[in-house]
């Protein structure tokens, strides 16, 4: 399994990066102050509010350089993305994954960050974290479930469970038990990874999928692309997270769960859904690359933390 980074210690220095889209200039100091209020030191990438092309936080070279610099900086113990957005795929061939592999540390984000998670898990043999981002989820304070899930994953000393908010029970689509490395992230980015050097590898693994703001016809396209590429057939199990603002405006009852029920019908693997991780109001952190055990009978998901 991938290497779990050392836990986030009180007072650690966190580097803030934008690998995709920028944040408003006036929000940069607010992001810094938010983490400082939690007791951490902060280093800021220089491109957080830079605008290139109207939607990217600088050129691909600029964004890749800041990712590299934060990994290589000996003072930085963790790297948090401030937001997702668009354009992250442009930096992927500009990163030296041998360098990143040699400097393991906490890396956290989601959405467009999925491409880098895949590379860190598969190319660098590192656990990374699908969890809240500073500008998107932390300004004004995190809700208690999101905050508890974040620190549970970043400070674990041993095995630990995935804990959904009490009002959102885990649900079962297909029964069974499975164990394997957790991989995945945003469905659109997983589909876009096919044919690249960091193509999602699901062989014997547990695949996590979420998405946001996609009509059912687009979910169909992305999900079928994974199916036709053999990604479900190879998987040991599947976990479905939040599909925020993903709607079927023609037939409301045929939602993303019905879609996956159709696509996964012929596979003898366990499938659980309603994980509160993705683009929702509450985002429970997942350690991508870690060993994961899922059991639909007990409705439990557990992770092995081996530092």
Protein backbone atom coordinates (compact mmCIF):
# COMPACT_ATOMS: atom_id res chain seq x y z
CA UNK A 1 0.00 0.00 0.00
CA UNK A 2 1.01 3.63 -0.40
CA UNK A 3 3.01 5.34 2.32
CA UNK A 4 0.99 7.25 4.91
CA UNK A 5 2.61 10.66 5.66
CA UNK A 6 3.50 11.61 9.21
CA UNK A 7 0.57 13.02 11.14
CA UNK A 8 -0.25 16.71 11.24
CA UNK A 9 1.25 18.04 14.47
CA UNK A 10 0.13 21.13 16.40
CA UNK A 11 1.95 24.19 15.12
CA UNK A 12 2.99 22.56 11.84
CA UNK A 13 3.53 24.78 8.81
CA UNK A 14 0.96 24.29 6.05
CA UNK A 15 1.62 25.38 2.48
CA UNK A 16 -1.37 26.76 0.58
CA UNK A 17 -1.49 26.12 -3.18
CA UNK A 18 -3.75 26.59 -6.21
CA UNK A 19 -3.21 23.90 -8.82
CA UNK A 20 -6.34 24.87 -10.76
CA UNK A 21 -8.35 28.09 -10.46
CA UNK A 22 -7.50 31.22 -8.42
CA UNK A 23 -9.22 32.82 -5.44
CA UNK A 24 -9.98 36.55 -5.02
CA UNK A 25 -7.02 38.58 -3.80
CA UNK A 26 -8.95 39.76 -0.75
CA UNK A 27 -9.50 36.11 0.29
CA UNK A 28 -5.79 35.19 0.47
CA UNK A 29 -5.19 36.75 3.89
CA UNK A 30 -8.47 35.29 5.15
CA UNK A 31 -7.30 31.80 4.18
CA UNK A 32 -4.02 32.35 6.01
CA UNK A 33 -5.76 33.69 9.11
CA UNK A 34 -8.19 30.73 9.13
CA UNK A 35 -5.39 28.19 9.47
CA UNK A 36 -3.43 30.35 11.88
CA UNK A 37 -6.52 30.46 14.12
CA UNK A 38 -6.35 26.65 14.21
CA UNK A 39 -2.80 26.88 15.52
CA UNK A 40 -0.76 26.33 12.33
CA UNK A 41 1.94 28.25 10.55
CA UNK A 42 1.20 29.12 6.92
CA UNK A 43 3.22 29.58 3.74
CA UNK A 44 1.44 31.00 0.71
CA UNK A 45 2.12 30.08 -2.89
CA UNK A 46 2.59 33.22 -4.96
CA UNK A 47 -0.10 32.39 -7.51
CA UNK A 48 -3.20 32.05 -5.31
CA UNK A 49 -4.91 35.11 -6.82
CA UNK A 50 -3.08 35.16 -10.17
CA UNK A 51 -5.46 34.93 -13.14
CA UNK A 52 -4.40 33.35 -16.43
CA UNK A 53 -6.80 32.60 -19.25
CA UNK A 54 -9.67 33.81 -17.11
CA UNK A 55 -9.91 30.59 -15.08
CA UNK A 56 -6.44 29.37 -14.07
CA UNK A 57 -4.19 30.47 -11.19
CA UNK A 58 -1.26 31.26 -13.46
CA UNK A 59 0.30 29.34 -16.32
CA UNK A 60 0.83 25.61 -16.06
CA UNK A 61 4.52 26.22 -15.38
CA UNK A 62 3.76 28.63 -12.54
CA UNK A 63 1.31 26.29 -10.85
CA UNK A 64 3.56 23.25 -11.23
CA UNK A 65 6.48 25.22 -9.77
CA UNK A 66 4.52 26.14 -6.66
CA UNK A 67 3.40 22.53 -6.14
CA UNK A 68 7.03 21.42 -6.48
CA UNK A 69 8.34 24.15 -4.18
CA UNK A 70 5.89 23.24 -1.41
CA UNK A 71 6.82 19.56 -1.59
CA UNK A 72 10.55 20.35 -1.50
CA UNK A 73 10.36 23.07 1.18
CA UNK A 74 11.68 21.48 4.42
CA UNK A 75 9.63 23.88 6.55
CA UNK A 76 6.32 22.83 4.99
CA UNK A 77 4.82 19.73 6.63
CA UNK A 78 1.48 19.67 4.82
CA UNK A 79 0.05 21.08 1.59
CA UNK A 80 -3.58 22.20 1.40
CA UNK A 81 -5.29 23.25 -1.82
CA UNK A 82 -7.33 26.42 -1.38
CA UNK A 83 -9.83 25.43 -4.08
CA UNK A 84 -10.40 23.31 -7.17
CA UNK A 85 -11.83 24.69 -10.38
CA UNK A 86 -10.34 24.04 -13.81
CA UNK A 87 -7.01 23.65 -15.54
CA UNK A 88 -5.26 21.24 -13.18
CA UNK A 89 -4.63 18.68 -15.90
CA UNK A 90 -2.35 21.19 -17.65
CA UNK A 91 0.31 20.87 -14.95
CA UNK A 92 0.51 17.08 -14.83
CA UNK A 93 3.30 16.60 -17.38
CA UNK A 94 5.26 19.46 -15.80
CA UNK A 95 5.77 17.71 -12.44
CA UNK A 96 8.68 15.44 -11.60
CA UNK A 97 7.04 12.64 -9.65
CA UNK A 98 10.39 11.21 -8.58
CA UNK A 99 10.97 14.48 -6.72
CA UNK A 100 7.56 14.40 -5.07
CA UNK A 101 7.98 10.75 -4.13
CA UNK A 102 11.20 11.62 -2.31
CA UNK A 103 9.47 14.27 -0.17
CA UNK A 104 6.34 12.63 1.29
CA UNK A 105 3.97 14.93 3.14
CA UNK A 106 0.26 15.53 3.64
CA UNK A 107 -1.48 16.74 0.48
CA UNK A 108 -5.19 17.60 0.56
CA UNK A 109 -7.87 18.72 -1.85
CA UNK A 110 -10.63 17.39 -4.11
CA UNK A 111 -12.49 18.03 -7.36
CA UNK A 112 -10.02 19.13 -10.08
CA UNK A 113 -7.27 17.99 -7.71
CA UNK A 114 -8.23 14.37 -8.55
CA UNK A 115 -5.55 14.13 -11.26
CA UNK A 116 -2.77 14.88 -8.79
CA UNK A 117 -4.25 12.48 -6.24
CA UNK A 118 -4.05 9.69 -8.83
CA UNK A 119 -0.42 10.49 -9.57
CA UNK A 120 0.55 10.75 -5.91
CA UNK A 121 -1.14 7.42 -5.09
CA UNK A 122 -0.05 5.48 -8.18
CA UNK A 123 3.19 7.11 -9.35
CA UNK A 124 4.59 8.28 -6.02
CA UNK A 125 3.27 5.56 -3.70
CA UNK A 126 1.92 8.22 -1.32
CA UNK A 127 -1.36 8.47 0.58
CA UNK A 128 -3.11 11.78 -0.14
CA UNK A 129 -6.32 13.20 1.27
CA UNK A 130 -9.65 13.86 -0.41
CA UNK A 131 -10.85 16.49 2.03
CA UNK A 132 -11.90 20.10 2.63
CA UNK A 133 -10.16 22.98 0.91
CA UNK A 134 -9.39 26.24 2.65
CA UNK A 135 -11.23 28.80 0.51
CA UNK A 136 -14.04 26.44 -0.45
CA UNK A 137 -14.78 24.84 2.92
CA UNK A 138 -12.95 26.40 5.85
CA UNK A 139 -13.59 30.15 5.73
CA UNK A 140 -16.06 31.08 8.44
CA UNK A 141 -15.39 27.81 10.25
CA UNK A 142 -15.86 24.15 9.41
CA UNK A 143 -18.94 22.29 10.55
CA UNK A 144 -18.20 19.81 13.38
CA UNK A 145 -18.50 16.67 11.21
CA UNK A 146 -16.15 17.99 8.54
CA UNK A 147 -13.62 19.13 11.12
CA UNK A 148 -13.75 15.84 13.03
CA UNK A 149 -13.28 13.86 9.83
CA UNK A 150 -10.36 16.02 8.77
CA UNK A 151 -8.37 15.61 11.97
CA UNK A 152 -9.32 11.95 12.29
CA UNK A 153 -7.58 11.27 8.98
CA UNK A 154 -4.61 13.63 9.41
CA UNK A 155 -3.70 12.66 12.98
CA UNK A 156 -4.57 8.94 13.05
CA UNK A 157 -2.12 6.72 14.93
CA UNK A 158 -3.70 3.43 13.82
CA UNK A 159 -6.69 2.10 11.95
CA UNK A 160 -9.71 4.39 11.91
CA UNK A 161 -13.30 4.37 10.57
CA UNK A 162 -15.09 6.50 8.03
CA UNK A 163 -17.81 8.28 10.02
CA UNK A 164 -20.74 9.76 8.14
CA UNK A 165 -22.76 12.51 9.85
CA UNK A 166 -25.42 10.81 12.01
CA UNK A 167 -28.28 12.14 9.90
CA UNK A 168 -26.78 10.59 6.72
CA UNK A 169 -26.52 6.78 7.05
CA UNK A 170 -24.37 4.76 4.69
CA UNK A 171 -26.52 2.83 2.24
CA UNK A 172 -26.04 -0.41 0.33
CA UNK A 173 -26.50 -0.87 -3.41
CA UNK A 174 -24.84 -4.31 -3.70
CA UNK A 175 -24.00 -6.58 -0.76
CA UNK A 176 -20.60 -7.97 0.15
CA UNK A 177 -17.23 -7.32 1.78
CA UNK A 178 -14.02 -6.11 0.16
CA UNK A 179 -10.54 -4.94 1.03
CA UNK A 180 -8.14 -3.01 -1.17
CA UNK A 181 -6.35 0.26 -1.76
CA UNK A 182 -8.73 3.22 -1.96
CA UNK A 183 -8.51 5.15 -5.24
CA UNK A 184 -10.69 7.65 -7.03
CA UNK A 185 -12.21 11.09 -6.73
CA UNK A 186 -14.21 13.24 -9.12
CA UNK A 187 -15.96 11.23 -11.85
CA UNK A 188 -15.27 13.69 -14.67
CA UNK A 189 -11.54 13.72 -13.82
CA UNK A 190 -11.41 9.93 -13.45
CA UNK A 191 -12.86 9.63 -16.94
CA UNK A 192 -10.39 12.22 -18.24
CA UNK A 193 -7.48 10.25 -16.75
CA UNK A 194 -8.00 7.36 -19.19
CA UNK A 195 -5.14 7.14 -21.66
CA UNK A 196 -2.79 9.26 -19.53
CA UNK A 197 0.28 8.26 -17.52
CA UNK A 198 -1.81 8.62 -14.35
CA UNK A 199 -4.85 6.66 -15.59
CA UNK A 200 -6.87 5.39 -12.64
CA UNK A 201 -5.87 1.81 -11.80
CA UNK A 202 -8.73 -0.08 -10.14
CA UNK A 203 -7.30 -3.61 -10.21
CA UNK A 204 -8.22 -5.19 -6.85
CA UNK A 205 -8.93 -1.74 -5.42
CA UNK A 206 -11.89 0.07 -3.92
CA UNK A 207 -13.04 2.86 -6.22
CA UNK A 208 -14.50 6.07 -4.77
CA UNK A 209 -16.58 8.30 -7.06
CA UNK A 210 -18.24 11.70 -6.61
CA UNK A 211 -19.20 14.65 -8.80
CA UNK A 212 -20.86 18.05 -8.88
CA UNK A 213 -23.07 20.12 -11.16
CA UNK A 214 -23.43 17.52 -13.92
CA UNK A 215 -26.66 16.54 -15.62
CA UNK A 216 -27.52 12.86 -15.67
CA UNK A 217 -26.54 12.64 -19.34
CA UNK A 218 -23.00 13.77 -18.52
CA UNK A 219 -22.75 11.39 -15.57
CA UNK A 220 -23.85 8.66 -17.98
CA UNK A 221 -21.04 9.56 -20.38
CA UNK A 222 -18.31 9.60 -17.73
CA UNK A 223 -19.57 6.53 -15.88
CA UNK A 224 -19.91 4.49 -19.06
CA UNK A 225 -16.42 5.49 -20.12
CA UNK A 226 -15.09 3.89 -16.94
CA UNK A 227 -17.26 0.83 -17.50
CA UNK A 228 -16.13 0.41 -21.10
CA UNK A 229 -12.51 0.74 -19.96
CA UNK A 230 -12.99 -2.20 -17.57
CA UNK A 231 -12.58 -0.14 -14.41
CA UNK A 232 -15.62 -1.53 -12.56
CA UNK A 233 -14.90 -5.12 -13.56
CA UNK A 234 -11.37 -4.84 -12.14
CA UNK A 235 -12.43 -3.23 -8.84
CA UNK A 236 -12.87 -5.06 -5.54
CA UNK A 237 -15.62 -2.69 -4.43
CA UNK A 238 -17.14 0.73 -5.11
CA UNK A 239 -18.02 3.65 -2.83
CA UNK A 240 -20.29 6.40 -4.13
CA UNK A 241 -20.00 9.82 -2.52
CA UNK A 242 -21.92 13.05 -2.97
CA UNK A 243 -23.35 13.98 -6.37
CA UNK A 244 -24.08 17.59 -5.56
CA UNK A 245 -26.47 19.41 -7.92
CA UNK A 246 -26.38 16.49 -10.36
CA UNK A 247 -29.93 16.44 -11.72
CA UNK A 248 -32.13 14.66 -14.17
CA UNK A 249 -34.50 17.38 -15.34
CA UNK A 250 -36.51 14.98 -17.54
CA UNK A 251 -37.13 12.05 -15.16
CA UNK A 252 -36.29 13.01 -11.58
CA UNK A 253 -36.57 9.48 -10.20
CA UNK A 254 -33.77 8.22 -12.49
CA UNK A 255 -30.91 9.67 -10.49
CA UNK A 256 -27.21 8.82 -10.17
CA UNK A 257 -27.94 5.83 -7.90
CA UNK A 258 -30.29 4.33 -10.49
CA UNK A 259 -27.64 4.98 -13.13
CA UNK A 260 -24.96 3.11 -11.18
CA UNK A 261 -27.41 0.38 -10.29
CA UNK A 262 -27.81 -0.24 -14.03
CA UNK A 263 -24.10 -0.03 -14.85
CA UNK A 264 -22.95 -2.24 -11.96
CA UNK A 265 -25.68 -4.89 -12.16
CA UNK A 266 -23.46 -7.58 -13.69
CA UNK A 267 -20.52 -7.21 -11.29
CA UNK A 268 -20.27 -9.32 -8.14
CA UNK A 269 -18.72 -6.62 -5.96
CA UNK A 270 -20.01 -4.67 -2.95
CA UNK A 271 -21.26 -1.15 -3.56
CA UNK A 272 -22.10 1.41 -0.87
CA UNK A 273 -23.41 4.93 -1.38
CA UNK A 274 -24.30 8.17 0.39
CA UNK A 275 -20.75 8.76 1.65
CA UNK A 276 -20.70 12.39 2.68
CA UNK A 277 -17.54 13.22 0.77
CA UNK A 278 -17.43 15.29 -2.38
CA UNK A 279 -18.85 18.75 -3.02
CA UNK A 280 -21.51 18.89 -0.32
CA UNK A 281 -21.85 21.08 2.75
CA UNK A 282 -20.14 18.39 4.84
CA UNK A 283 -17.01 16.69 3.50
CA UNK A 284 -15.58 13.75 5.43
CA UNK A 285 -11.88 13.24 4.61
CA UNK A 286 -10.78 10.09 2.79
CA UNK A 287 -7.16 8.80 2.73
CA UNK A 288 -6.70 7.97 -0.94
CA UNK A 289 -4.05 5.29 -1.44
CA UNK A 290 -4.61 3.76 1.99
CA UNK A 291 -5.85 0.22 2.62
CA UNK A 292 -9.64 0.25 2.91
CA UNK A 293 -12.08 -2.37 4.17
CA UNK A 294 -15.80 -2.16 3.40
CA UNK A 295 -18.57 -4.38 4.79
CA UNK A 296 -22.16 -3.90 3.68
CA UNK A 297 -23.57 -6.16 6.43
CA UNK A 298 -22.24 -3.93 9.20
CA UNK A 299 -22.31 -0.83 6.97
CA UNK A 300 -18.76 0.04 7.94
CA UNK A 301 -15.73 1.45 6.13
CA UNK A 302 -12.30 1.35 7.78
CA UNK A 303 -8.84 2.53 6.82
CA UNK A 304 -5.43 1.18 7.80
CA UNK A 305 -3.04 3.93 8.86
CA UNK A 306 0.52 2.59 8.74
CA UNK A 307 3.01 5.39 9.28
